[in-house]
PDB file of N, CA and C in Angstrom:
ATOM      1  N   MET A   1       0.931  -1.112   0.043  1.00  0.00           N
ATOM      2  CA  MET A   1      -0.049   0.029   0.108  1.00  0.00           C
ATOM      3  C   MET A   1       1.025   1.220  -0.122  1.00  0.00           C
ATOM      4  N   GLU A   2       0.810   2.324  -0.932  1.00  0.00           N
ATOM      5  CA  GLU A   2       1.253   3.404  -1.004  1.00  0.00           C
ATOM      6  C   GLU A   2       0.845   4.214   0.228  1.00  0.00           C
ATOM      7  N   MET A   3       2.074   4.941   1.059  1.00  0.00           N
ATOM      8  CA  MET A   3       2.044   5.768   2.191  1.00  0.00           C
ATOM      9  C   MET A   3       2.385   6.985   1.815  1.00  0.00           C
ATOM     10  N   THR A   4       1.570   8.304   2.844  1.00  0.00           N
ATOM     11  CA  THR A   4       1.855   9.441   2.495  1.00  0.00           C
ATOM     12  C   THR A   4       1.860  10.019   4.453  1.00  0.00           C
ATOM     13  N   THR A   5       2.836  11.046   4.635  1.00  0.00           N
ATOM     14  CA  THR A   5       3.102  11.591   5.560  1.00  0.00           C
ATOM     15  C   THR A   5       2.472  12.828   5.744  1.00  0.00           C
ATOM     16  N   VAL A   6       1.416  13.060   6.977  1.00  0.00           N
ATOM     17  CA  VAL A   6       0.456  13.571   7.351  1.00  0.00           C
ATOM     18  C   VAL A   6       0.361  14.317   8.345  1.00  0.00           C
ATOM     19  N   GLN A   7       0.630  15.773   8.830  1.00  0.00           N
ATOM     20  CA  GLN A   7       1.016  16.215  10.107  1.00  0.00           C
ATOM     21  C   GLN A   7      -0.467  16.646  10.836  1.00  0.00           C
ATOM     22  N   LEU A   8      -0.427  16.201  11.821  1.00  0.00           N
ATOM     23  CA  LEU A   8      -1.640  16.548  12.627  1.00  0.00           C
ATOM     24  C   LEU A   8      -1.560  17.186  13.707  1.00  0.00           C
ATOM     25  N   GLN A   9      -2.179  18.125  14.301  1.00  0.00           N
ATOM     26  CA  GLN A   9      -1.998  18.972  15.552  1.00  0.00           C
ATOM     27  C   GLN A   9      -2.930  18.015  16.570  1.00  0.00           C
ATOM     28  N   VAL A  10      -2.567  17.421  17.475  1.00  0.00           N
ATOM     29  CA  VAL A  10      -3.122  16.832  18.547  1.00  0.00           C
ATOM     30  C   VAL A  10      -2.906  17.236  20.216  1.00  0.00           C
ATOM     31  N   PRO A  11      -4.090  17.289  20.821  1.00  0.00           N
ATOM     32  CA  PRO A  11      -3.533  17.448  22.173  1.00  0.00           C
ATOM     33  C   PRO A  11      -2.449  16.565  22.638  1.00  0.00           C
ATOM     34  N   VAL A  12      -1.555  17.210  23.664  1.00  0.00           N
ATOM     35  CA  VAL A  12      -0.302  16.217  24.023  1.00  0.00           C
ATOM     36  C   VAL A  12      -0.611  14.940  24.400  1.00  0.00           C
ATOM     37  N   ALA A  13      -1.679  15.164  25.548  1.00  0.00           N
ATOM     38  CA  ALA A  13      -2.261  13.802  25.992  1.00  0.00           C
ATOM     39  C   ALA A  13      -2.579  12.485  24.748  1.00  0.00           C
ATOM     40  N   MET A  14      -2.756  13.024  23.837  1.00  0.00           N
ATOM     41  CA  MET A  14      -3.205  11.944  22.683  1.00  0.00           C
ATOM     42  C   MET A  14      -1.814  11.499  22.008  1.00  0.00           C
ATOM     43  N   GLU A  15      -0.805  11.806  22.238  1.00  0.00           N
ATOM     44  CA  GLU A  15       0.414  11.463  21.526  1.00  0.00           C
ATOM     45  C   GLU A  15       0.677  10.018  21.688  1.00  0.00           C
ATOM     46  N   PRO A  16       0.818   9.427  22.800  1.00  0.00           N
ATOM     47  CA  PRO A  16       0.801   7.984  23.200  1.00  0.00           C
ATOM     48  C   PRO A  16       0.295   6.905  22.307  1.00  0.00           C
ATOM     49  N   TYR A  17      -1.075   7.537  22.121  1.00  0.00           N
ATOM     50  CA  TYR A  17      -2.023   6.874  21.477  1.00  0.00           C
ATOM     51  C   TYR A  17      -1.836   6.447  19.911  1.00  0.00           C
ATOM     52  N   ILE A  18      -1.518   7.673  19.104  1.00  0.00           N
ATOM     53  CA  ILE A  18      -1.157   7.762  17.688  1.00  0.00           C
ATOM     54  C   ILE A  18       0.102   7.518  17.198  1.00  0.00           C
ATOM     55  N   THR A  19       1.197   7.621  18.337  1.00  0.00           N
ATOM     56  CA  THR A  19       2.341   7.720  17.526  1.00  0.00           C
ATOM     57  C   THR A  19       2.502   6.174  17.017  1.00  0.00           C
ATOM     58  N   SER A  20       3.400   5.703  16.085  1.00  0.00           N
ATOM     59  CA  SER A  20       3.712   4.516  15.489  1.00  0.00           C
ATOM     60  C   SER A  20       4.134   3.494  16.344  1.00  0.00           C
ATOM     61  N   GLU A  21       4.970   3.789  17.271  1.00  0.00           N
ATOM     62  CA  GLU A  21       5.638   3.036  18.351  1.00  0.00           C
ATOM     63  C   GLU A  21       4.566   2.608  19.289  1.00  0.00           C
ATOM     64  N   SER A  22       3.391   2.969  19.327  1.00  0.00           N
ATOM     65  CA  SER A  22       2.360   2.477  19.958  1.00  0.00           C
ATOM     66  C   SER A  22       1.265   1.720  19.666  1.00  0.00           C
ATOM     67  N   GLY A  23       1.334   0.465  19.694  1.00  0.00           N
ATOM     68  CA  GLY A  23       0.057  -0.534  19.501  1.00  0.00           C
ATOM     69  C   GLY A  23       0.137  -0.657  17.811  1.00  0.00           C
ATOM     70  N   ASP A  24      -0.750  -1.118  17.145  1.00  0.00           N
ATOM     71  CA  ASP A  24      -1.280  -1.886  16.154  1.00  0.00           C
ATOM     72  C   ASP A  24      -1.600  -0.604  15.028  1.00  0.00           C
ATOM     73  N   GLY A  25      -0.684  -0.522  14.070  1.00  0.00           N
ATOM     74  CA  GLY A  25      -0.588   0.742  13.064  1.00  0.00           C
ATOM     75  C   GLY A  25      -1.811   0.477  12.496  1.00  0.00           C
ATOM     76  N   LEU A  26      -2.498  -0.649  11.785  1.00  0.00           N
ATOM     77  CA  LEU A  26      -3.616  -0.922  11.058  1.00  0.00           C
ATOM     78  C   LEU A  26      -4.644  -0.584  11.501  1.00  0.00           C
ATOM     79  N   VAL A  27      -4.774  -0.724  13.095  1.00  0.00           N
ATOM     80  CA  VAL A  27      -5.824  -0.804  14.145  1.00  0.00           C
ATOM     81  C   VAL A  27      -5.826   0.958  14.203  1.00  0.00           C
ATOM     82  N   GLN A  28      -5.255   1.826  14.167  1.00  0.00           N
ATOM     83  CA  GLN A  28      -5.062   3.089  14.302  1.00  0.00           C
ATOM     84  C   GLN A  28      -5.442   3.829  13.446  1.00  0.00           C
ATOM     85  N   LEU A  29      -4.846   3.145  12.027  1.00  0.00           N
ATOM     86  CA  LEU A  29      -5.348   3.572  10.544  1.00  0.00           C
ATOM     87  C   LEU A  29      -7.054   3.417  10.260  1.00  0.00           C
ATOM     88  N   ALA A  30      -7.467   2.202  10.831  1.00  0.00           N
ATOM     89  CA  ALA A  30      -9.084   1.431  10.834  1.00  0.00           C
ATOM     90  C   ALA A  30      -9.686   2.832  11.758  1.00  0.00           C
ATOM     91  N   MET A  31      -8.989   2.915  13.009  1.00  0.00           N
ATOM     92  CA  MET A  31     -10.030   4.074  14.091  1.00  0.00           C
ATOM     93  C   MET A  31     -10.044   5.521  13.456  1.00  0.00           C
ATOM     94  N   MET A  32      -9.063   5.802  12.580  1.00  0.00           N
ATOM     95  CA  MET A  32      -9.215   7.273  12.179  1.00  0.00           C
ATOM     96  C   MET A  32     -10.019   7.129  10.828  1.00  0.00           C
ATOM     97  N   LEU A  33     -10.279   6.141  10.209  1.00  0.00           N
ATOM     98  CA  LEU A  33     -11.433   6.188   9.239  1.00  0.00           C
ATOM     99  C   LEU A  33     -12.686   5.978   9.724  1.00  0.00           C
ATOM    100  N   HIS A  34     -13.053   5.214  10.818  1.00  0.00           N
ATOM    101  CA  HIS A  34     -14.462   4.810  11.482  1.00  0.00           C
ATOM    102  C   HIS A  34     -15.532   6.074  11.245  1.00  0.00           C
ATOM    103  N   PRO A  35     -14.750   7.421  11.743  1.00  0.00           N
ATOM    104  CA  PRO A  35     -15.852   8.324  11.482  1.00  0.00           C
ATOM    105  C   PRO A  35     -16.414   8.576  10.347  1.00  0.00           C
ATOM    106  N   PHE A  36     -15.670   8.436   9.304  1.00  0.00           N
ATOM    107  CA  PHE A  36     -16.014   8.504   7.811  1.00  0.00           C
ATOM    108  C   PHE A  36     -16.872   7.521   7.478  1.00  0.00           C
ATOM    109  N   ILE A  37     -17.071   6.495   8.005  1.00  0.00           N
ATOM    110  CA  ILE A  37     -17.756   5.238   7.885  1.00  0.00           C
ATOM    111  C   ILE A  37     -19.284   5.667   8.513  1.00  0.00           C
ATOM    112  N   LYS A  38     -19.169   6.257   9.841  1.00  0.00           N
ATOM    113  CA  LYS A  38     -20.157   6.470  10.449  1.00  0.00           C
ATOM    114  C   LYS A  38     -21.142   7.661   9.968  1.00  0.00           C
ATOM    115  N   ASN A  39     -20.483   8.558   9.412  1.00  0.00           N
ATOM    116  CA  ASN A  39     -21.306   9.634   8.914  1.00  0.00           C
ATOM    117  C   ASN A  39     -21.363   9.236   7.407  1.00  0.00           C
ATOM    118  N   LEU A  40     -21.263   8.207   6.821  1.00  0.00           N
ATOM    119  CA  LEU A  40     -21.578   7.536   5.505  1.00  0.00           C
ATOM    120  C   LEU A  40     -20.706   8.116   4.548  1.00  0.00           C
ATOM    121  N   THR A  41     -19.658   9.117   4.660  1.00  0.00           N
ATOM    122  CA  THR A  41     -18.664   9.372   3.518  1.00  0.00           C
ATOM    123  C   THR A  41     -17.868   8.602   2.984  1.00  0.00           C
ATOM    124  N   ILE A  42     -17.510   7.207   3.479  1.00  0.00           N
ATOM    125  CA  ILE A  42     -17.151   6.028   2.841  1.00  0.00           C
ATOM    126  C   ILE A  42     -17.806   5.101   3.410  1.00  0.00           C
ATOM    127  N   SER A  43     -17.971   3.764   2.602  1.00  0.00           N
ATOM    128  CA  SER A  43     -18.336   2.648   2.924  1.00  0.00           C
ATOM    129  C   SER A  43     -17.404   1.687   3.869  1.00  0.00           C
ATOM    130  N   HIS A  44     -17.679   0.704   4.460  1.00  0.00           N
ATOM    131  CA  HIS A  44     -16.900  -0.485   5.047  1.00  0.00           C
ATOM    132  C   HIS A  44     -15.733  -0.866   4.085  1.00  0.00           C
ATOM    133  N   GLY A  45     -16.458  -1.160   2.929  1.00  0.00           N
ATOM    134  CA  GLY A  45     -15.891  -1.865   1.892  1.00  0.00           C
ATOM    135  C   GLY A  45     -14.648  -0.847   1.476  1.00  0.00           C
ATOM    136  N   ARG A  46     -15.060   0.514   1.179  1.00  0.00           N
ATOM    137  CA  ARG A  46     -14.163   1.556   0.408  1.00  0.00           C
ATOM    138  C   ARG A  46     -12.923   1.701   1.648  1.00  0.00           C
ATOM    139  N   ALA A  47     -13.259   1.638   3.023  1.00  0.00           N
ATOM    140  CA  ALA A  47     -12.334   1.752   3.919  1.00  0.00           C
ATOM    141  C   ALA A  47     -11.212   0.765   3.987  1.00  0.00           C
ATOM    142  N   ALA A  48     -11.760  -0.513   3.848  1.00  0.00           N
ATOM    143  CA  ALA A  48     -10.971  -1.702   3.565  1.00  0.00           C
ATOM    144  C   ALA A  48      -9.915  -1.899   2.671  1.00  0.00           C
ATOM    145  N   GLU A  49     -10.491  -1.075   1.365  1.00  0.00           N
ATOM    146  CA  GLU A  49      -9.897  -1.218   0.260  1.00  0.00           C
ATOM    147  C   GLU A  49      -8.627   0.021   0.587  1.00  0.00           C
ATOM    148  N   ILE A  50      -8.881   1.075   1.316  1.00  0.00           N
ATOM    149  CA  ILE A  50      -7.630   1.803   1.454  1.00  0.00           C
ATOM    150  C   ILE A  50      -6.920   1.398   2.628  1.00  0.00           C
ATOM    151  N   LEU A  51      -7.479   0.779   3.331  1.00  0.00           N
ATOM    152  CA  LEU A  51      -6.440  -0.260   4.293  1.00  0.00           C
ATOM    153  C   LEU A  51      -5.579  -1.521   3.774  1.00  0.00           C
ATOM    154  N   GLY A  52      -5.921  -1.909   2.318  1.00  0.00           N
ATOM    155  CA  GLY A  52      -5.546  -3.041   2.294  1.00  0.00           C
ATOM    156  C   GLY A  52      -5.536  -4.479   2.485  1.00  0.00           C
ATOM    157  N   ILE A  53      -7.171  -4.378   3.306  1.00  0.00           N
ATOM    158  CA  ILE A  53      -7.377  -5.901   3.970  1.00  0.00           C
ATOM    159  C   ILE A  53      -8.994  -5.833   3.471  1.00  0.00           C
ATOM    160  N   THR A  54      -9.339  -7.069   3.559  1.00  0.00           N
ATOM    161  CA  THR A  54     -10.768  -7.530   2.959  1.00  0.00           C
ATOM    162  C   THR A  54     -11.992  -6.316   4.076  1.00  0.00           C
ATOM    163  N   LYS A  55     -13.166  -6.511   3.365  1.00  0.00           N
ATOM    164  CA  LYS A  55     -13.891  -5.643   3.966  1.00  0.00           C
ATOM    165  C   LYS A  55     -14.274  -6.721   5.610  1.00  0.00           C
ATOM    166  N   TRP A  56     -14.340  -8.125   5.572  1.00  0.00           N
ATOM    167  CA  TRP A  56     -14.576  -8.951   6.531  1.00  0.00           C
ATOM    168  C   TRP A  56     -13.591  -8.812   7.438  1.00  0.00           C
ATOM    169  N   GLU A  57     -12.304  -8.511   7.039  1.00  0.00           N
ATOM    170  CA  GLU A  57     -11.232  -8.313   7.977  1.00  0.00           C
ATOM    171  C   GLU A  57     -11.326  -7.142   8.953  1.00  0.00           C
ATOM    172  N   LEU A  58     -11.891  -5.819   8.294  1.00  0.00           N
ATOM    173  CA  LEU A  58     -12.278  -4.544   8.818  1.00  0.00           C
ATOM    174  C   LEU A  58     -13.507  -4.877   9.638  1.00  0.00           C
ATOM    175  N   ILE A  59     -14.208  -5.447   9.509  1.00  0.00           N
ATOM    176  CA  ILE A  59     -15.202  -5.707  10.594  1.00  0.00           C
ATOM    177  C   ILE A  59     -14.990  -6.456  11.510  1.00  0.00           C
ATOM    178  N   GLU A  60     -14.190  -7.596  11.478  1.00  0.00           N
ATOM    179  CA  GLU A  60     -13.488  -8.398  12.707  1.00  0.00           C
ATOM    180  C   GLU A  60     -12.576  -7.363  13.516  1.00  0.00           C
ATOM    181  N   LEU A  61     -11.817  -6.453  13.008  1.00  0.00           N
ATOM    182  CA  LEU A  61     -11.069  -5.463  13.505  1.00  0.00           C
ATOM    183  C   LEU A  61     -11.990  -4.633  14.348  1.00  0.00           C
ATOM    184  N   TYR A  62     -13.151  -4.099  13.563  1.00  0.00           N
ATOM    185  CA  TYR A  62     -13.928  -3.122  14.834  1.00  0.00           C
ATOM    186  C   TYR A  62     -14.570  -3.787  15.594  1.00  0.00           C
ATOM    187  N   ALA A  63     -14.970  -5.258  15.433  1.00  0.00           N
ATOM    188  CA  ALA A  63     -15.745  -5.962  16.595  1.00  0.00           C
ATOM    189  C   ALA A  63     -14.466  -6.077  17.602  1.00  0.00           C
ATOM    190  N   LYS A  64     -13.374  -6.322  17.327  1.00  0.00           N
ATOM    191  CA  LYS A  64     -12.617  -6.583  18.789  1.00  0.00           C
ATOM    192  C   LYS A  64     -12.048  -5.266  19.295  1.00  0.00           C
ATOM    193  N   GLU A  65     -12.494  -4.165  18.754  1.00  0.00           N
ATOM    194  CA  GLU A  65     -12.527  -2.916  19.331  1.00  0.00           C
ATOM    195  C   GLU A  65     -13.667  -2.475  19.865  1.00  0.00           C
ATOM    196  N   GLY A  66     -14.781  -3.440  19.681  1.00  0.00           N
ATOM    197  CA  GLY A  66     -16.107  -3.003  20.303  1.00  0.00           C
ATOM    198  C   GLY A  66     -16.890  -2.314  19.400  1.00  0.00           C
ATOM    199  N   ILE A  67     -16.658  -2.243  18.365  1.00  0.00           N
ATOM    200  CA  ILE A  67     -17.453  -1.112  17.477  1.00  0.00           C
ATOM    201  C   ILE A  67     -18.398  -2.130  16.470  1.00  0.00           C
ATOM    202  N   PRO A  68     -19.537  -2.245  16.638  1.00  0.00           N
ATOM    203  CA  PRO A  68     -20.453  -3.236  15.805  1.00  0.00           C
ATOM    204  C   PRO A  68     -20.769  -2.884  14.548  1.00  0.00           C
ATOM    205  N   TYR A  69     -20.908  -3.951  13.604  1.00  0.00           N
ATOM    206  CA  TYR A  69     -21.086  -3.599  11.886  1.00  0.00           C
ATOM    207  C   TYR A  69     -22.350  -3.066  11.938  1.00  0.00           C
ATOM    208  N   ILE A  70     -23.294  -3.573  12.497  1.00  0.00           N
ATOM    209  CA  ILE A  70     -24.634  -3.061  12.571  1.00  0.00           C
ATOM    210  C   ILE A  70     -24.825  -2.348  13.455  1.00  0.00           C
ATOM    211  N   ASP A  71     -25.148  -1.255  13.698  1.00  0.00           N
ATOM    212  CA  ASP A  71     -25.514  -0.343  14.367  1.00  0.00           C
ATOM    213  C   ASP A  71     -26.998   0.218  14.786  1.00  0.00           C
ATOM    214  N   MET A  72     -27.939  -0.356  15.531  1.00  0.00           N
ATOM    215  CA  MET A  72     -29.322  -0.190  15.325  1.00  0.00           C
ATOM    216  C   MET A  72     -29.839   0.106  16.464  1.00  0.00           C
ATOM    217  N   ALA A  73     -30.771   1.037  16.665  1.00  0.00           N
ATOM    218  CA  ALA A  73     -31.289   1.209  17.730  1.00  0.00           C
ATOM    219  C   ALA A  73     -32.378   0.100  17.727  1.00  0.00           C
ATOM    220  N   TRP A  74     -33.113  -0.355  19.030  1.00  0.00           N
ATOM    221  CA  TRP A  74     -34.009  -1.528  19.521  1.00  0.00           C
ATOM    222  C   TRP A  74     -35.304  -1.011  18.483  1.00  0.00           C
ATOM    223  N   SER A  75     -35.609   0.144  18.633  1.00  0.00           N
ATOM    224  CA  SER A  75     -36.952   0.532  17.782  1.00  0.00           C
ATOM    225  C   SER A  75     -36.998   0.175  16.509  1.00  0.00           C
ATOM    226  N   GLU A  76     -35.524   0.264  15.553  1.00  0.00           N
ATOM    227  CA  GLU A  76     -35.224   0.185  14.352  1.00  0.00           C
ATOM    228  C   GLU A  76     -35.310  -1.401  14.062  1.00  0.00           C
ATOM    229  N   VAL A  77     -34.889  -1.977  14.644  1.00  0.00           N
ATOM    230  CA  VAL A  77     -34.882  -3.284  14.825  1.00  0.00           C
ATOM    231  C   VAL A  77     -36.228  -4.367  14.974  1.00  0.00           C
ATOM    232  N   GLU A  78     -37.169  -3.493  15.921  1.00  0.00           N
ATOM    233  CA  GLU A  78     -38.560  -3.714  16.232  1.00  0.00           C
ATOM    234  C   GLU A  78     -39.507  -3.529  14.637  1.00  0.00           C
ATOM    235  N   GLU A  79     -38.989  -2.401  13.978  1.00  0.00           N
ATOM    236  CA  GLU A  79     -39.659  -2.007  12.966  1.00  0.00           C
ATOM    237  C   GLU A  79     -39.204  -2.743  11.813  1.00  0.00           C
ATOM    238  N   ASP A  80     -38.275  -3.353  11.623  1.00  0.00           N
ATOM    239  CA  ASP A  80     -37.819  -4.169  10.872  1.00  0.00           C
ATOM    240  C   ASP A  80     -38.350  -5.573  10.766  1.00  0.00           C
ATOM    241  N   VAL A  81     -38.592  -5.966  11.768  1.00  0.00           N
ATOM    242  CA  VAL A  81     -39.417  -7.105  12.263  1.00  0.00           C
ATOM    243  C   VAL A  81     -40.742  -7.172  11.809  1.00  0.00           C
ATOM    244  N   ALA A  82     -41.462  -6.205  12.123  1.00  0.00           N
ATOM    245  CA  ALA A  82     -42.856  -5.457  12.036  1.00  0.00           C
ATOM    246  C   ALA A  82     -42.895  -5.716  10.166  1.00  0.00           C
ATOM    247  N   THR A  83     -42.158  -4.733   9.788  1.00  0.00           N
ATOM    248  CA  THR A  83     -41.896  -4.910   8.126  1.00  0.00           C
ATOM    249  C   THR A  83     -41.815  -6.333   7.663  1.00  0.00           C
ATOM    250  N   TYR A  84     -41.091  -7.280   8.051  1.00  0.00           N
ATOM    251  CA  TYR A  84     -41.195  -8.373   7.467  1.00  0.00           C
ATOM    252  C   TYR A  84     -42.110  -9.418   7.825  1.00  0.00           C
ATOM    253  N   GLU A  85     -42.934  -8.898   9.067  1.00  0.00           N
ATOM    254  CA  GLU A  85     -43.811  -9.986   9.446  1.00  0.00           C
ATOM    255  C   GLU A  85     -45.298  -9.546   8.556  1.00  0.00           C
ATOM    256  N   ARG A  86     -45.408  -8.106   8.224  1.00  0.00           N
ATOM    257  CA  ARG A  86     -46.314  -7.675   7.442  1.00  0.00           C
ATOM    258  C   ARG A  86     -46.233  -8.299   5.673  1.00  0.00           C
ATOM    259  N   LEU A  87     -45.219  -8.421   5.272  1.00  0.00           N
ATOM    260  CA  LEU A  87     -44.714  -8.835   4.005  1.00  0.00           C
ATOM    261  C   LEU A  87     -44.642 -10.338   4.024  1.00  0.00           C
ATOM    262  N   VAL A  88     -44.699 -11.194   5.114  1.00  0.00           N
ATOM    263  CA  VAL A  88     -44.957 -12.653   4.792  1.00  0.00           C
ATOM    264  C   VAL A  88     -46.318 -12.655   5.151  1.00  0.00           C
ATOM    265  N   ALA A  89     -46.909 -11.932   5.891  1.00  0.00           N
ATOM    266  CA  ALA A  89     -48.317 -12.253   6.011  1.00  0.00           C
ATOM    267  C   ALA A  89     -49.191 -11.838   4.322  1.00  0.00           C
ATOM    268  N   LYS A  90     -48.646 -10.688   3.889  1.00  0.00           N
ATOM    269  CA  LYS A  90     -49.025 -10.400   2.587  1.00  0.00           C
ATOM    270  C   LYS A  90     -48.969 -11.569   1.581  1.00  0.00           C
ATOM    271  N   GLU A  91     -47.941 -12.177   1.456  1.00  0.00           N
ATOM    272  CA  GLU A  91     -47.617 -13.009   0.548  1.00  0.00           C
ATOM    273  C   GLU A  91     -48.282 -14.355   1.053  1.00  0.00           C
ATOM    274  N   ALA A  92     -48.594 -14.809   2.428  1.00  0.00           N
ATOM    275  CA  ALA A  92     -49.067 -16.107   2.348  1.00  0.00           C
ATOM    276  C   ALA A  92     -50.797 -15.653   1.999  1.00  0.00           C
ATOM    277  N   ALA A  93     -51.158 -14.373   2.070  1.00  0.00           N
ATOM    278  CA  ALA A  93     -52.665 -13.891   1.567  1.00  0.00           C
ATOM    279  C   ALA A  93     -52.742 -14.182  -0.016  1.00  0.00           C
ATOM    280  N   GLN A  94     -51.795 -13.874  -0.639  1.00  0.00           N
ATOM    281  CA  GLN A  94     -51.631 -14.133  -2.272  1.00  0.00           C
ATOM    282  C   GLN A  94     -51.463 -15.489  -2.313  1.00  0.00           C
ATOM    283  N   VAL A  95     -51.279 -16.403  -1.642  1.00  0.00           N
ATOM    284  CA  VAL A  95     -51.008 -17.811  -2.122  1.00  0.00           C
ATOM    285  C   VAL A  95     -52.575 -18.665  -2.236  1.00  0.00           C
TER     286      VAL A  95
END
């Protein structure tokens, strides 16, 4: 993967967490991309492509860091289940 250098100004207390000597560089880069995934600027697939890994590897990396792939409120899950149940009932009525 081709790399470039970017200068960032961060609080002094953050330095141990972002310098290349600390931890896994891939995790650090993935964590830097996560806000762009969350706000839908890029997809998980594009982020994985940027990092030179598969989408599944990225999903697993985030899972190890406690970040879920599917991030839904319980009300959204209930709404999806209700929609599914309506569709199944409609299909059953047509048969």
